[in-house]
């Protein structure tokens, strides 16, 4: 884990320097002095925690916080207010704006350090739980929930740019027989090897393979025409065949193989992304019906 990054928004240069000095030993600190600069930095999504002065010269801290919290890039970033105001209503205003805590001025270095440490640890724990909730524990791949989110996002993005989106659905041939022969422990190990091999066939950082469910996987290939997607699908199939994982009860080959269905389409907001999944699934079933261990490209779009 890298160092926690903290954005300090404070227009008083003396207080800003004090906060930076207190935190710099344990945190990566960036300091700015206006609400405008705070928004520019906060909405990069690069900060784990924000310390925000209420009384800024251009935009008050409550308004800055509300703008940060209304944007997906800053929604999950904890905001701690810095203020010399001590009325209950000010505290209510801060919490309603989206803040999680208050640190009163004049700044007490020990209290500042302790509160920032506590909130940084809470943020790290929350981020870890969020990450684990989106990862398949067996294979380490993104899970079905993540797949659905990414497909929805890419569908909307590529619809705006009128660009192609390719989807590959694939699963292990005769996997029930594999589990019956080698046990569920053997089946789990097989799926891990398949996941690792399939990921190595991807060509670009934007490409993603997820565990769709059971022995079924899905690859999302944004901005990819059918020829490029077919090359990836064939690389996945060949890479898994090369592993030569023994499968003595397979009716297709003496080793583990996969069947793949591929579809390429330009997304349209008049349709839902699940239509792409259905088309890829039909191509997958066609691959199985025609002998397995092959790629079938959908004629639908």
Protein backbone atom coordinates (compact mmCIF):
# COMPACT_ATOMS: atom_id res chain seq x y z
CA UNK A 1 0.00 0.00 0.00
CA UNK A 2 1.34 3.47 -0.92
CA UNK A 3 1.31 6.45 1.39
CA UNK A 4 -2.02 8.10 2.09
CA UNK A 5 -2.49 11.29 0.07
CA UNK A 6 -4.02 14.30 1.84
CA UNK A 7 -5.27 17.52 0.27
CA UNK A 8 -5.04 20.49 2.65
CA UNK A 9 -7.22 23.49 1.75
CA UNK A 10 -6.31 26.43 3.99
CA UNK A 11 -5.83 30.09 3.05
CA UNK A 12 -3.85 31.08 6.15
CA UNK A 13 -0.24 30.38 5.18
CA UNK A 14 0.89 29.93 8.80
CA UNK A 15 -1.80 27.34 9.56
CA UNK A 16 -1.22 25.66 6.20
CA UNK A 17 2.50 25.33 6.94
CA UNK A 18 1.78 23.93 10.43
CA UNK A 19 -0.62 21.28 9.09
CA UNK A 20 1.81 20.31 6.34
CA UNK A 21 4.68 19.98 8.81
CA UNK A 22 2.62 17.81 11.19
CA UNK A 23 1.41 15.44 8.47
CA UNK A 24 4.33 15.32 6.03
CA UNK A 25 6.20 12.57 7.90
CA UNK A 26 3.43 10.00 7.38
CA UNK A 27 1.37 11.35 4.48
CA UNK A 28 1.80 12.79 1.00
CA UNK A 29 0.48 16.32 1.47
CA UNK A 30 -0.70 18.75 -1.21
CA UNK A 31 -1.68 22.22 0.02
CA UNK A 32 -3.84 24.85 -1.74
CA UNK A 33 -5.44 28.06 -0.51
CA UNK A 34 -8.66 28.61 -2.50
CA UNK A 35 -11.93 26.80 -3.11
CA UNK A 36 -11.32 26.85 -6.87
CA UNK A 37 -7.96 25.13 -6.46
CA UNK A 38 -9.52 22.68 -4.01
CA UNK A 39 -12.10 21.58 -6.59
CA UNK A 40 -9.49 21.27 -9.33
CA UNK A 41 -7.35 18.99 -7.15
CA UNK A 42 -10.11 17.07 -5.36
CA UNK A 43 -11.86 16.05 -8.56
CA UNK A 44 -8.79 14.34 -9.94
CA UNK A 45 -9.73 11.50 -7.61
CA UNK A 46 -6.13 11.22 -6.45
CA UNK A 47 -6.65 12.01 -2.75
CA UNK A 48 -7.53 9.73 0.14
CA UNK A 49 -8.53 12.52 2.53
CA UNK A 50 -9.31 16.24 2.35
CA UNK A 51 -8.80 18.80 5.13
CA UNK A 52 -11.00 21.76 4.19
CA UNK A 53 -11.10 25.21 5.77
CA UNK A 54 -14.62 26.57 6.11
CA UNK A 55 -13.67 30.24 5.59
CA UNK A 56 -11.99 30.37 2.19
CA UNK A 57 -11.53 33.66 0.30
CA UNK A 58 -13.49 32.72 -2.84
CA UNK A 59 -15.93 29.87 -2.10
CA UNK A 60 -16.98 28.85 1.40
CA UNK A 61 -15.89 25.38 2.51
CA UNK A 62 -19.43 24.04 2.80
CA UNK A 63 -20.11 24.84 -0.86
CA UNK A 64 -16.80 23.29 -1.90
CA UNK A 65 -17.65 20.12 -0.01
CA UNK A 66 -21.10 19.89 -1.58
CA UNK A 67 -19.59 20.21 -5.06
CA UNK A 68 -17.00 17.52 -4.30
CA UNK A 69 -19.66 15.16 -2.98
CA UNK A 70 -21.93 15.72 -5.99
CA UNK A 71 -19.22 14.47 -8.36
CA UNK A 72 -18.50 10.71 -8.68
CA UNK A 73 -14.76 11.45 -8.64
CA UNK A 74 -14.92 12.93 -5.15
CA UNK A 75 -18.00 11.31 -3.66
CA UNK A 76 -16.09 8.71 -1.64
CA UNK A 77 -13.29 11.00 -0.44
CA UNK A 78 -13.65 11.85 3.28
CA UNK A 79 -13.69 15.58 4.08
CA UNK A 80 -12.65 16.96 7.49
CA UNK A 81 -13.51 20.60 8.10
CA UNK A 82 -11.04 23.03 9.67
CA UNK A 83 -12.77 25.91 11.43
CA UNK A 84 -12.58 28.48 14.17
CA UNK A 85 -16.38 28.48 14.32
CA UNK A 86 -17.70 26.45 17.21
CA UNK A 87 -21.49 26.72 17.02
CA UNK A 88 -23.64 23.61 16.84
CA UNK A 89 -25.29 24.93 13.67
CA UNK A 90 -21.93 25.23 11.92
CA UNK A 91 -21.18 21.62 12.77
CA UNK A 92 -24.60 20.56 11.47
CA UNK A 93 -23.99 22.54 8.26
CA UNK A 94 -20.68 20.76 7.78
CA UNK A 95 -22.12 17.30 8.30
CA UNK A 96 -25.05 18.06 5.99
CA UNK A 97 -22.59 19.25 3.33
CA UNK A 98 -20.91 15.84 3.46
CA UNK A 99 -18.11 16.30 5.98
CA UNK A 100 -17.22 13.49 8.37
CA UNK A 101 -15.46 15.42 11.14
CA UNK A 102 -14.39 18.81 12.48
CA UNK A 103 -10.99 19.97 13.69
CA UNK A 104 -11.14 23.21 15.64
CA UNK A 105 -8.68 26.06 15.34
CA UNK A 106 -6.23 26.85 16.77
CA UNK A 107 -4.79 23.57 15.50
CA UNK A 108 -3.54 21.14 18.14
CA UNK A 109 -0.87 19.03 16.37
CA UNK A 110 -1.55 15.90 18.46
CA UNK A 111 -5.31 16.03 17.81
CA UNK A 112 -4.74 16.77 14.12
CA UNK A 113 -2.37 13.81 13.75
CA UNK A 114 -4.65 11.42 15.65
CA UNK A 115 -7.82 12.33 13.74
CA UNK A 116 -6.16 12.19 10.34
CA UNK A 117 -4.59 8.83 11.22
CA UNK A 118 -7.96 7.43 12.31
CA UNK A 119 -9.82 8.60 9.22
CA UNK A 120 -7.02 7.44 6.91
CA UNK A 121 -7.19 3.95 8.44
CA UNK A 122 -10.98 3.89 8.09
CA UNK A 123 -10.70 4.97 4.44
CA UNK A 124 -8.15 2.24 3.76
CA UNK A 125 -10.36 -0.40 5.39
CA UNK A 126 -13.40 0.77 3.44
CA UNK A 127 -11.46 0.76 0.17
CA UNK A 128 -10.22 -2.77 0.88
CA UNK A 129 -13.76 -4.01 1.53
CA UNK A 130 -15.00 -2.33 -1.64
CA UNK A 131 -12.21 -3.90 -3.68
CA UNK A 132 -12.84 -7.35 -2.22
CA UNK A 133 -16.55 -7.03 -2.97
CA UNK A 134 -15.70 -6.56 -6.65
CA UNK A 135 -13.18 -9.40 -6.99
CA UNK A 136 -13.85 -13.11 -7.40
CA UNK A 137 -12.12 -14.74 -4.45
CA UNK A 138 -11.22 -17.94 -6.32
CA UNK A 139 -9.59 -16.57 -9.46
CA UNK A 140 -8.71 -13.01 -8.46
CA UNK A 141 -10.58 -11.74 -11.52
CA UNK A 142 -13.25 -9.03 -11.45
CA UNK A 143 -16.56 -10.61 -10.46
CA UNK A 144 -20.01 -10.49 -12.06
CA UNK A 145 -20.91 -7.26 -10.29
CA UNK A 146 -17.81 -5.55 -11.68
CA UNK A 147 -18.46 -7.00 -15.13
CA UNK A 148 -21.99 -5.55 -15.15
CA UNK A 149 -20.73 -2.12 -14.07
CA UNK A 150 -17.91 -2.00 -16.63
CA UNK A 151 -20.14 -3.22 -19.45
CA UNK A 152 -22.75 -0.57 -18.62
CA UNK A 153 -20.11 2.18 -18.48
CA UNK A 154 -18.42 1.14 -21.74
CA UNK A 155 -21.76 0.72 -23.48
CA UNK A 156 -22.69 4.31 -22.70
CA UNK A 157 -19.24 5.71 -23.50
CA UNK A 158 -18.94 3.94 -26.86
CA UNK A 159 -22.51 4.84 -27.79
CA UNK A 160 -21.50 8.50 -27.51
CA UNK A 161 -18.44 8.01 -29.73
CA UNK A 162 -20.12 5.56 -32.14
CA UNK A 163 -17.30 3.07 -31.54
CA UNK A 164 -17.35 -0.75 -31.48
CA UNK A 165 -17.56 -2.90 -28.39
CA UNK A 166 -16.65 -6.58 -28.51
CA UNK A 167 -17.67 -9.19 -25.95
CA UNK A 168 -16.35 -12.74 -25.60
CA UNK A 169 -18.19 -15.28 -23.47
CA UNK A 170 -16.39 -18.56 -22.84
CA UNK A 171 -16.57 -21.55 -20.54
CA UNK A 172 -14.80 -24.81 -19.80
CA UNK A 173 -15.88 -27.78 -21.87
CA UNK A 174 -17.27 -30.72 -19.86
CA UNK A 175 -16.46 -29.01 -16.56
CA UNK A 176 -18.97 -31.05 -14.57
CA UNK A 177 -17.16 -34.19 -15.70
CA UNK A 178 -13.87 -32.56 -14.69
CA UNK A 179 -15.18 -31.91 -11.17
CA UNK A 180 -16.56 -35.44 -10.95
CA UNK A 181 -13.18 -36.86 -11.97
CA UNK A 182 -10.71 -34.61 -10.13
CA UNK A 183 -12.86 -33.25 -7.29
CA UNK A 184 -13.87 -29.68 -6.53
CA UNK A 185 -10.36 -28.84 -5.35
CA UNK A 186 -9.02 -29.89 -8.73
CA UNK A 187 -11.79 -27.91 -10.41
CA UNK A 188 -10.89 -24.79 -8.45
CA UNK A 189 -7.22 -25.11 -9.41
CA UNK A 190 -8.22 -25.60 -13.05
CA UNK A 191 -10.27 -22.38 -13.01
CA UNK A 192 -7.35 -20.46 -11.52
CA UNK A 193 -5.03 -21.65 -14.30
CA UNK A 194 -7.62 -20.76 -16.94
CA UNK A 195 -8.11 -17.28 -15.49
CA UNK A 196 -4.38 -16.60 -15.44
CA UNK A 197 -3.92 -17.84 -19.00
CA UNK A 198 -6.90 -15.89 -20.35
CA UNK A 199 -5.71 -12.61 -18.83
CA UNK A 200 -2.32 -13.06 -20.51
CA UNK A 201 -4.09 -13.09 -23.90
CA UNK A 202 -5.42 -9.55 -23.47
CA UNK A 203 -3.66 -6.91 -25.52
CA UNK A 204 -4.60 -3.54 -23.97
CA UNK A 205 -5.09 -2.11 -20.48
CA UNK A 206 -8.74 -1.29 -21.23
CA UNK A 207 -9.55 -4.95 -21.96
CA UNK A 208 -11.01 -6.89 -19.03
CA UNK A 209 -11.79 -10.52 -18.24
CA UNK A 210 -14.25 -11.31 -15.45
CA UNK A 211 -15.51 -14.50 -13.91
CA UNK A 212 -19.13 -14.46 -15.03
CA UNK A 213 -20.24 -17.41 -12.91
CA UNK A 214 -19.27 -21.02 -12.31
CA UNK A 215 -16.97 -22.11 -15.13
CA UNK A 216 -18.03 -19.21 -17.40
CA UNK A 217 -15.90 -16.14 -18.11
CA UNK A 218 -16.45 -12.92 -20.07
CA UNK A 219 -14.03 -10.56 -21.79
CA UNK A 220 -14.94 -6.93 -22.52
CA UNK A 221 -12.92 -5.39 -25.36
CA UNK A 222 -13.73 -1.68 -25.86
CA UNK A 223 -12.93 0.02 -29.18
CA UNK A 224 -12.26 -3.37 -30.76
CA UNK A 225 -13.46 -4.48 -34.19
CA UNK A 226 -14.43 -8.08 -34.83
CA UNK A 227 -11.07 -9.07 -36.36
CA UNK A 228 -9.13 -7.89 -33.33
CA UNK A 229 -11.59 -9.52 -30.95
CA UNK A 230 -11.41 -12.80 -32.89
CA UNK A 231 -7.62 -12.75 -32.52
CA UNK A 232 -7.97 -12.30 -28.75
CA UNK A 233 -10.55 -15.09 -28.54
CA UNK A 234 -8.31 -17.47 -30.46
CA UNK A 235 -5.36 -16.51 -28.25
CA UNK A 236 -7.45 -17.35 -25.17
CA UNK A 237 -8.45 -20.72 -26.65
CA UNK A 238 -4.92 -21.62 -27.74
CA UNK A 239 -3.34 -20.45 -24.49
CA UNK A 240 -5.61 -22.71 -22.43
CA UNK A 241 -5.05 -25.67 -24.76
CA UNK A 242 -1.28 -25.20 -24.42
CA UNK A 243 -1.59 -25.65 -20.64
CA UNK A 244 -2.47 -29.31 -21.34
CA UNK A 245 -4.45 -29.68 -18.12
CA UNK A 246 -5.39 -33.35 -18.08
CA UNK A 247 -9.10 -34.12 -18.58
CA UNK A 248 -9.43 -37.85 -19.08
CA UNK A 249 -13.24 -37.83 -19.14
CA UNK A 250 -13.58 -35.03 -21.70
CA UNK A 251 -15.46 -35.98 -24.83
CA UNK A 252 -13.60 -33.30 -26.79
CA UNK A 253 -9.88 -33.71 -26.06
CA UNK A 254 -7.61 -35.40 -23.49
CA UNK A 255 -6.95 -31.99 -21.93
CA UNK A 256 -9.05 -29.04 -20.76
CA UNK A 257 -10.51 -26.92 -23.58
CA UNK A 258 -12.83 -23.94 -23.78
CA UNK A 259 -15.57 -22.86 -26.16
CA UNK A 260 -15.99 -19.18 -26.98
CA UNK A 261 -18.75 -16.99 -28.38
CA UNK A 262 -17.91 -13.54 -29.74
CA UNK A 263 -20.02 -10.57 -30.73
CA UNK A 264 -19.05 -7.08 -31.90
CA UNK A 265 -21.51 -4.21 -32.02
CA UNK A 266 -21.63 -0.43 -31.91
CA UNK A 267 -23.61 0.35 -28.74
CA UNK A 268 -26.87 2.23 -29.04
CA UNK A 269 -28.60 3.85 -26.09
CA UNK A 270 -31.93 2.62 -27.46
CA UNK A 271 -30.79 -0.87 -26.43
CA UNK A 272 -29.49 -2.26 -23.16
CA UNK A 273 -26.02 -3.85 -22.85
CA UNK A 274 -27.58 -7.15 -21.84
CA UNK A 275 -28.49 -7.63 -25.51
CA UNK A 276 -24.77 -7.99 -26.23
CA UNK A 277 -24.46 -10.65 -23.52
CA UNK A 278 -27.37 -12.57 -25.01
CA UNK A 279 -25.81 -12.50 -28.48
CA UNK A 280 -22.43 -13.64 -27.17
CA UNK A 281 -24.14 -16.41 -25.20
CA UNK A 282 -25.91 -17.66 -28.30
CA UNK A 283 -22.59 -17.73 -30.14
CA UNK A 284 -21.07 -19.67 -27.22
CA UNK A 285 -23.83 -22.27 -27.38
CA UNK A 286 -23.28 -22.51 -31.14
CA UNK A 287 -19.59 -23.22 -30.47
CA UNK A 288 -20.56 -26.03 -28.12
CA UNK A 289 -23.14 -27.43 -30.52
CA UNK A 290 -20.61 -27.52 -33.36
CA UNK A 291 -18.01 -29.56 -31.48
CA UNK A 292 -16.55 -27.35 -28.70
CA UNK A 293 -12.94 -26.11 -28.40
CA UNK A 294 -13.57 -23.37 -30.94
CA UNK A 295 -14.55 -19.72 -31.43
CA UNK A 296 -17.90 -18.84 -33.00
CA UNK A 297 -18.50 -15.26 -34.11
CA UNK A 298 -22.07 -14.03 -33.83
CA UNK A 299 -23.78 -12.92 -37.01
CA UNK A 300 -25.94 -10.57 -34.92
CA UNK A 301 -25.01 -6.97 -34.20
